[in-house]
Amino acid sequence: MLTSPTQPVITELPGIVIPEDATIASLRRAGMYDRLKADAWEEINDENFAVTVTGPRSLSLAEFTESVTTRQVEEVIEKMGYKLALVEDLLAVGAHPEYRNLQLEFFITALGSRSSYYDDNPPFVPLLFSLEEERLLGETSAFDTEEWDDIVDRFLLVDENA
């Protein structure tokens, strides 16, 4: 049985706006990533992920101080009144001049957008991360019960009541 994690530390990211005419491709370009993980270049695109929200976004980062599973993150975030951020939110953070280098400090993932490219794999979720001081856009598997201990440091959230 999974135990309930403690409340995460929440850090607000004010000032993020997704343009009305945004596409996944345009948001990827705006991020000016040093590199894209090879499969992310092909898979994080307008065919697999659609921009479903535009305009101002009330985004925050959640930092759990212990290992958590995807299911635990979902439960805690819902109880706190947040929703999991979408790929367009993640790409907007990566493109924002004030926040673009946060991924050099810690990984950021958007659990609210999932896509399955291969039938025998769990869903993939997009993430921002770094490798040797390069900013990268990539993806990782979102197992419901596997712990996110040293894979991801922060989860991107949306406060739709703000």
Protein backbone atom coordinates (compact mmCIF):
# COMPACT_ATOMS: atom_id res chain seq x y z
CA MET A 1 0.00 0.00 0.00
CA LEU A 2 1.26 3.46 -0.89
CA THR A 3 1.69 5.91 1.93
CA SER A 4 0.60 9.50 1.53
CA PRO A 5 3.48 11.90 0.84
CA THR A 6 3.87 15.20 2.61
CA GLN A 7 2.67 18.40 1.00
CA PRO A 8 5.05 19.65 -1.69
CA VAL A 9 6.81 22.99 -1.61
CA ILE A 10 5.02 25.23 -4.15
CA THR A 11 6.82 27.95 -6.12
CA GLU A 12 4.72 30.26 -8.30
CA LEU A 13 5.87 31.18 -11.81
CA PRO A 14 3.95 34.40 -12.63
CA GLY A 15 3.82 36.08 -16.02
CA ILE A 16 3.50 33.12 -18.37
CA VAL A 17 1.27 33.59 -21.41
CA ILE A 18 0.69 31.08 -24.20
CA PRO A 19 0.11 32.95 -27.48
CA GLU A 20 -3.29 32.53 -29.12
CA ASP A 21 -1.69 31.17 -32.30
CA ALA A 22 0.70 28.80 -30.50
CA THR A 23 1.51 25.37 -31.85
CA ILE A 24 3.76 22.75 -30.31
CA ALA A 25 6.30 23.47 -33.07
CA SER A 26 6.26 27.24 -32.42
CA LEU A 27 6.62 26.76 -28.66
CA ARG A 28 9.51 24.33 -29.20
CA ARG A 29 11.26 26.89 -31.43
CA ALA A 30 10.67 29.66 -28.88
CA GLY A 31 12.42 27.53 -26.24
CA MET A 32 15.69 27.65 -28.19
CA TYR A 33 16.84 24.38 -26.61
CA ASP A 34 20.48 23.46 -26.93
CA ARG A 35 19.43 19.98 -27.94
CA LEU A 36 16.37 17.83 -28.14
CA LYS A 37 16.57 14.26 -27.02
CA ALA A 38 16.47 12.38 -30.33
CA ASP A 39 13.06 10.79 -29.83
CA ALA A 40 11.59 14.00 -28.40
CA TRP A 41 12.32 15.81 -31.65
CA GLU A 42 10.08 13.36 -33.46
CA GLU A 43 7.52 12.68 -30.74
CA ILE A 44 6.84 16.05 -29.06
CA ASN A 45 5.06 17.53 -32.03
CA ASP A 46 1.68 18.81 -33.16
CA GLU A 47 0.57 15.34 -34.23
CA ASN A 48 1.05 13.73 -30.80
CA PHE A 49 0.27 16.74 -28.60
CA ALA A 50 -2.17 19.56 -29.37
CA VAL A 51 -2.20 23.03 -27.83
CA THR A 52 -5.50 23.10 -25.98
CA VAL A 53 -5.12 26.25 -23.85
CA THR A 54 -3.82 29.73 -24.60
CA GLY A 55 -3.58 33.05 -22.83
CA PRO A 56 -2.30 33.82 -19.31
CA ARG A 57 -1.51 30.74 -17.21
CA SER A 58 -1.19 30.54 -13.43
CA LEU A 59 1.68 28.06 -13.16
CA SER A 60 3.61 26.73 -10.19
CA LEU A 61 6.27 24.14 -9.50
CA ALA A 62 5.72 21.41 -6.91
CA GLU A 63 8.77 20.01 -5.15
CA PHE A 64 8.21 16.89 -3.12
CA THR A 65 10.79 16.29 -0.39
CA GLU A 66 10.53 12.52 -0.70
CA SER A 67 10.14 9.94 -3.43
CA VAL A 68 6.61 9.85 -4.86
CA THR A 69 4.78 7.92 -7.53
CA THR A 70 2.80 9.46 -10.36
CA ARG A 71 -0.41 8.34 -8.66
CA GLN A 72 0.64 10.02 -5.40
CA VAL A 73 1.49 13.26 -7.19
CA GLU A 74 -1.93 13.26 -8.85
CA GLU A 75 -3.76 12.65 -5.56
CA VAL A 76 -1.88 15.30 -3.56
CA ILE A 77 -2.11 17.93 -6.30
CA GLU A 78 -5.87 17.38 -6.71
CA LYS A 79 -6.43 17.72 -2.94
CA MET A 80 -4.51 21.02 -3.03
CA GLY A 81 -6.79 22.38 -5.78
CA TYR A 82 -4.24 22.29 -8.60
CA LYS A 83 -4.23 20.50 -11.93
CA LEU A 84 -1.28 18.90 -13.67
CA ALA A 85 0.21 21.18 -16.32
CA LEU A 86 0.10 20.42 -20.03
CA VAL A 87 2.85 20.23 -22.62
CA GLU A 88 2.09 23.78 -23.81
CA ASP A 89 2.59 25.03 -20.24
CA LEU A 90 5.94 23.23 -20.03
CA LEU A 91 7.09 24.64 -23.37
CA ALA A 92 5.98 28.14 -22.32
CA VAL A 93 8.16 27.85 -19.19
CA GLY A 94 11.07 26.71 -21.36
CA ALA A 95 10.60 29.72 -23.63
CA HIS A 96 10.12 32.32 -20.87
CA PRO A 97 13.23 34.53 -20.42
CA GLU A 98 12.94 34.53 -16.63
CA TYR A 99 12.34 30.78 -16.23
CA ARG A 100 14.10 29.15 -19.19
CA ASN A 101 17.22 28.26 -17.20
CA LEU A 102 15.40 26.65 -14.28
CA GLN A 103 15.90 23.33 -16.06
CA LEU A 104 19.64 23.74 -15.52
CA GLU A 105 18.93 23.48 -11.77
CA PHE A 106 16.33 20.67 -11.78
CA PHE A 107 14.18 18.58 -14.09
CA ILE A 108 10.63 19.82 -14.73
CA THR A 109 7.86 17.56 -15.99
CA ALA A 110 4.27 18.05 -17.14
CA LEU A 111 2.26 15.02 -16.07
CA GLY A 112 -0.94 16.48 -17.54
CA SER A 113 0.04 15.60 -21.13
CA ARG A 114 0.60 11.96 -21.92
CA SER A 115 1.07 10.21 -25.18
CA SER A 116 1.66 6.56 -26.04
CA TYR A 117 3.80 6.05 -29.10
CA TYR A 118 4.30 2.34 -28.70
CA ASP A 119 1.59 -0.12 -27.71
CA ASP A 120 3.65 -2.03 -25.15
CA ASN A 121 4.96 1.00 -23.21
CA PRO A 122 3.42 3.17 -20.51
CA PRO A 123 2.50 6.73 -21.50
CA PHE A 124 5.26 9.24 -22.09
CA VAL A 125 5.30 12.70 -20.52
CA PRO A 126 7.35 15.70 -21.67
CA LEU A 127 10.08 17.14 -19.49
CA LEU A 128 12.69 19.89 -19.46
CA PHE A 129 16.12 18.87 -18.22
CA SER A 130 19.81 19.53 -18.67
CA LEU A 131 22.88 17.55 -19.48
CA GLU A 132 26.34 19.07 -19.17
CA GLU A 133 24.85 22.60 -18.93
CA GLU A 134 22.79 22.18 -22.10
CA ARG A 135 19.04 22.81 -21.98
CA LEU A 136 17.13 19.84 -23.36
CA LEU A 137 13.54 18.95 -24.15
CA GLY A 138 12.77 15.28 -23.69
CA GLU A 139 10.28 12.76 -22.47
CA THR A 140 10.09 9.97 -19.95
CA SER A 141 7.73 7.14 -19.08
CA ALA A 142 4.97 7.89 -16.57
CA PHE A 143 4.58 4.70 -14.57
CA ASP A 144 1.71 4.93 -12.08
CA THR A 145 3.54 3.18 -9.27
CA GLU A 146 7.24 3.71 -9.97
CA GLU A 147 8.80 6.37 -7.80
CA TRP A 148 10.08 9.67 -9.21
CA ASP A 149 13.02 9.86 -6.85
CA ASP A 150 16.01 10.88 -8.93
CA ILE A 151 14.34 11.21 -12.32
CA VAL A 152 12.41 14.44 -11.87
CA ASP A 153 12.80 17.16 -9.28
CA ARG A 154 9.75 19.38 -9.94
CA PHE A 155 6.24 18.89 -11.32
CA LEU A 156 4.56 21.75 -13.19
CA LEU A 157 1.07 22.66 -11.95
CA VAL A 158 -1.80 24.90 -13.00
CA ASP A 159 -4.00 26.82 -10.55
CA GLU A 160 -7.16 27.25 -12.58
CA ASN A 161 -8.84 29.11 -9.71
CA ALA A 162 -6.32 31.95 -9.70
